[in-house]
Structures are given as structure tokens and as C-alpha cells.
């Protein structure tokens, strides 16, 4: 639901004719407004569907177009495909649809998750910061530093 937002004229602003009975109407939703997230999501969804992406029936932040997968979290996107040309095409389409985006290269970290591509094609995901925070909250980290390091190396060999 989009609501009409109005506010008082800011100090230092002179209303036409000096009339103090004016108020300002917000034309575009601004970051920090209660509805800004919802308005942004609706805008993004409309743009993605316009260029041929379909939203997953199971996960609202997941979109598909042919072999291209787009994962969304607020204003961060991951675009995946087997070919770099298809990824570039998705970025071009997003830019032509009016989104000011840039490619930041190959993905190595996203939302605190470290991502490593292995030579055999597998992808290794880990959250060392979260693991350390959990250990810190349960016990003194000094007692477990060596165990955490062994654990990380152990995980790499799985």
C-alpha cells in the first residue's frame, strides 16, 4: 500500500506568496521511510519481469531467465550463468531498464559468506566470522583458536 506523505515546510524555505499554510508533498519515496523497502522491491520486481525474468514461486528473492539465475538481497544482486556472455547480457538489460548497476567482478564474499571456486568446479561456502562469533559467545576464544584453525583446514579437505 502506498500512502500520501506530507510534511511541514522546512525552516528557511519561503512558500510562494509568503503563505505559511502550505505543506510539502513527498513525490518519491526516500530511503529511511517506512515503505521505502517495499516500494523499492516493487520497482525492482517490475523492472526484472519487464526484461524477462520470472520470480521463483518458492523464494521471492530468486529470479530466473532461461539459464540465468538472479539472486537479490535489498540492492545487492548475484547474477549466475554458465557463460560470461549471458551474465553480461543480463547486466546490459538491467542497465537499459534504467537500473544504475555495476559489475563488481567474480564473487568472493556475499552477506558475510566467503565463496571459493574450486578447480573441479565445486563451490566452497563458509562463514568464518559467524563461526568465531558463536565460539566467542559460548566460550573464551583464546581456548579454541587452535581448534578453529584446524577446523577451517579440515573443512577445506572435505
Protein backbone atom coordinates (compact mmCIF):
# COMPACT_ATOMS: atom_id res chain seq x y z
CA UNK A 1 0.00 0.00 0.00
CA UNK A 2 1.42 3.41 -0.99
CA UNK A 3 0.35 6.31 1.17
CA UNK A 4 0.34 10.04 0.59
CA UNK A 5 3.20 11.54 2.65
CA UNK A 6 3.18 15.20 3.63
CA UNK A 7 5.22 17.35 5.95
CA UNK A 8 5.71 20.90 7.17
CA UNK A 9 7.78 23.37 5.19
CA UNK A 10 11.39 23.30 6.48
CA UNK A 11 12.80 26.33 8.31
CA UNK A 12 14.43 28.75 5.92
CA UNK A 13 12.15 27.84 2.99
CA UNK A 14 9.82 30.58 1.84
CA UNK A 15 6.47 29.42 0.47
CA UNK A 16 5.04 31.18 -2.59
CA UNK A 17 3.48 34.47 -1.51
CA UNK A 18 4.92 34.04 2.00
CA UNK A 19 1.87 31.98 2.99
CA UNK A 20 2.62 29.74 5.97
CA UNK A 21 -0.36 27.49 5.31
CA UNK A 22 1.49 25.46 2.69
CA UNK A 23 2.82 21.96 3.19
CA UNK A 24 5.14 19.80 1.06
CA UNK A 25 4.12 16.54 -0.58
CA UNK A 26 6.71 13.77 -0.98
CA UNK A 27 6.68 12.74 -4.65
CA UNK A 28 9.23 9.91 -4.46
CA UNK A 29 9.78 7.53 -1.59
CA UNK A 30 13.05 8.21 0.21
CA UNK A 31 15.48 5.87 1.91
CA UNK A 32 14.54 5.61 5.57
CA UNK A 33 10.79 5.92 5.07
CA UNK A 34 8.77 3.02 6.44
CA UNK A 35 7.62 1.96 2.99
CA UNK A 36 10.91 2.56 1.14
CA UNK A 37 11.88 -1.13 1.14
CA UNK A 38 8.53 -2.26 -0.19
CA UNK A 39 8.44 0.47 -2.84
CA UNK A 40 11.99 -0.45 -3.95
CA UNK A 41 11.11 -4.15 -4.10
CA UNK A 42 8.02 -3.49 -6.22
CA UNK A 43 10.04 -1.23 -8.55
CA UNK A 44 12.79 -3.84 -8.92
CA UNK A 45 10.30 -6.68 -9.46
CA UNK A 46 8.53 -4.69 -12.17
CA UNK A 47 11.84 -3.97 -13.92
CA UNK A 48 13.06 -7.58 -13.71
CA UNK A 49 9.83 -9.03 -15.07
CA UNK A 50 9.83 -6.41 -17.84
CA UNK A 51 13.17 -7.75 -19.14
CA UNK A 52 12.03 -11.37 -18.97
CA UNK A 53 12.97 -12.60 -15.51
CA UNK A 54 10.43 -14.73 -13.65
CA UNK A 55 10.20 -14.75 -9.87
CA UNK A 56 10.53 -18.10 -8.12
CA UNK A 57 7.32 -19.46 -6.65
CA UNK A 58 9.29 -20.63 -3.59
CA UNK A 59 11.72 -17.78 -2.90
CA UNK A 60 10.82 -14.14 -3.61
CA UNK A 61 14.44 -13.02 -3.91
CA UNK A 62 15.20 -15.56 -6.67
CA UNK A 63 14.57 -14.83 -10.37
CA UNK A 64 15.15 -16.91 -13.50
CA UNK A 65 15.50 -16.13 -17.19
CA UNK A 66 16.44 -19.08 -19.42
CA UNK A 67 19.73 -20.34 -17.87
CA UNK A 68 20.39 -17.12 -15.95
CA UNK A 69 19.75 -17.04 -12.21
CA UNK A 70 19.48 -13.75 -10.34
CA UNK A 71 19.61 -13.65 -6.54
CA UNK A 72 18.56 -10.44 -4.83
CA UNK A 73 19.04 -9.05 -1.33
CA UNK A 74 17.78 -5.46 -0.97
CA UNK A 75 20.01 -3.75 -3.57
CA UNK A 76 22.70 -6.41 -3.96
CA UNK A 77 22.40 -8.83 -6.87
CA UNK A 78 24.17 -12.04 -7.78
CA UNK A 79 23.84 -12.98 -11.43
CA UNK A 80 24.81 -16.56 -12.34
CA UNK A 81 25.08 -18.36 -15.66
CA UNK A 82 27.38 -20.88 -17.32
CA UNK A 83 28.62 -18.27 -19.81
CA UNK A 84 30.05 -14.84 -19.16
CA UNK A 85 28.26 -13.54 -22.28
CA UNK A 86 24.85 -14.33 -20.75
CA UNK A 87 25.84 -12.61 -17.49
CA UNK A 88 26.96 -9.54 -19.47
CA UNK A 89 23.64 -9.60 -21.37
CA UNK A 90 21.70 -9.62 -18.07
CA UNK A 91 23.70 -6.60 -16.86
CA UNK A 92 23.10 -4.77 -20.16
CA UNK A 93 19.37 -5.48 -19.95
CA UNK A 94 19.25 -4.23 -16.34
CA UNK A 95 21.06 -1.03 -17.33
CA UNK A 96 18.74 -0.50 -20.32
CA UNK A 97 15.77 -0.99 -17.98
CA UNK A 98 17.01 2.05 -16.04
CA UNK A 99 18.90 0.43 -13.17
CA UNK A 100 22.20 2.08 -12.27
CA UNK A 101 24.27 -1.03 -11.65
CA UNK A 102 27.87 -2.09 -11.99
CA UNK A 103 29.55 -5.45 -12.12
CA UNK A 104 31.99 -5.90 -9.28
CA UNK A 105 33.66 -8.96 -10.76
CA UNK A 106 33.81 -12.53 -9.62
CA UNK A 107 32.07 -13.22 -6.34
CA UNK A 108 34.31 -13.87 -3.33
CA UNK A 109 32.08 -12.72 -0.45
CA UNK A 110 28.36 -12.04 -0.12
CA UNK A 111 26.48 -11.12 3.06
CA UNK A 112 29.26 -12.47 5.26
CA UNK A 113 29.60 -15.74 3.32
CA UNK A 114 33.01 -16.42 1.80
CA UNK A 115 32.83 -18.07 -1.60
CA UNK A 116 35.66 -20.04 -3.19
CA UNK A 117 35.59 -21.70 -6.60
CA UNK A 118 37.49 -24.97 -6.65
CA UNK A 119 39.41 -26.22 -9.70
CA UNK A 120 37.00 -29.17 -10.04
CA UNK A 121 34.03 -26.79 -10.46
CA UNK A 122 32.73 -27.12 -6.89
CA UNK A 123 31.95 -24.04 -4.85
CA UNK A 124 33.03 -23.86 -1.19
CA UNK A 125 30.93 -21.67 1.13
CA UNK A 126 31.97 -20.76 4.65
CA UNK A 127 31.16 -18.17 7.33
CA UNK A 128 34.31 -17.90 9.48
CA UNK A 129 33.19 -14.63 11.11
CA UNK A 130 29.90 -16.17 12.26
CA UNK A 131 31.69 -19.32 13.45
CA UNK A 132 34.08 -17.20 15.56
CA UNK A 133 31.16 -15.14 16.96
CA UNK A 134 29.38 -18.34 18.03
CA UNK A 135 32.51 -19.70 19.69
CA UNK A 136 33.07 -16.32 21.41
CA UNK A 137 29.54 -16.28 22.74
CA UNK A 138 29.84 -19.78 24.19
CA UNK A 139 33.41 -19.85 25.48
CA UNK A 140 36.58 -17.83 25.65
CA UNK A 141 38.02 -17.71 22.11
CA UNK A 142 41.61 -17.96 23.35
CA UNK A 143 40.99 -21.57 24.39
CA UNK A 144 39.73 -22.51 20.93
CA UNK A 145 41.87 -20.56 18.44
CA UNK A 146 43.90 -23.63 17.51
CA UNK A 147 40.76 -25.77 17.19
CA UNK A 148 39.10 -23.15 14.94
CA UNK A 149 42.16 -23.05 12.66
CA UNK A 150 42.26 -26.86 12.46
CA UNK A 151 38.52 -26.83 11.75
CA UNK A 152 38.92 -24.41 8.85
CA UNK A 153 41.70 -26.53 7.31
CA UNK A 154 39.67 -29.64 7.89
CA UNK A 155 36.70 -28.14 6.03
CA UNK A 156 38.85 -27.33 3.00
CA UNK A 157 39.71 -31.03 2.61
CA UNK A 158 36.10 -32.20 2.61
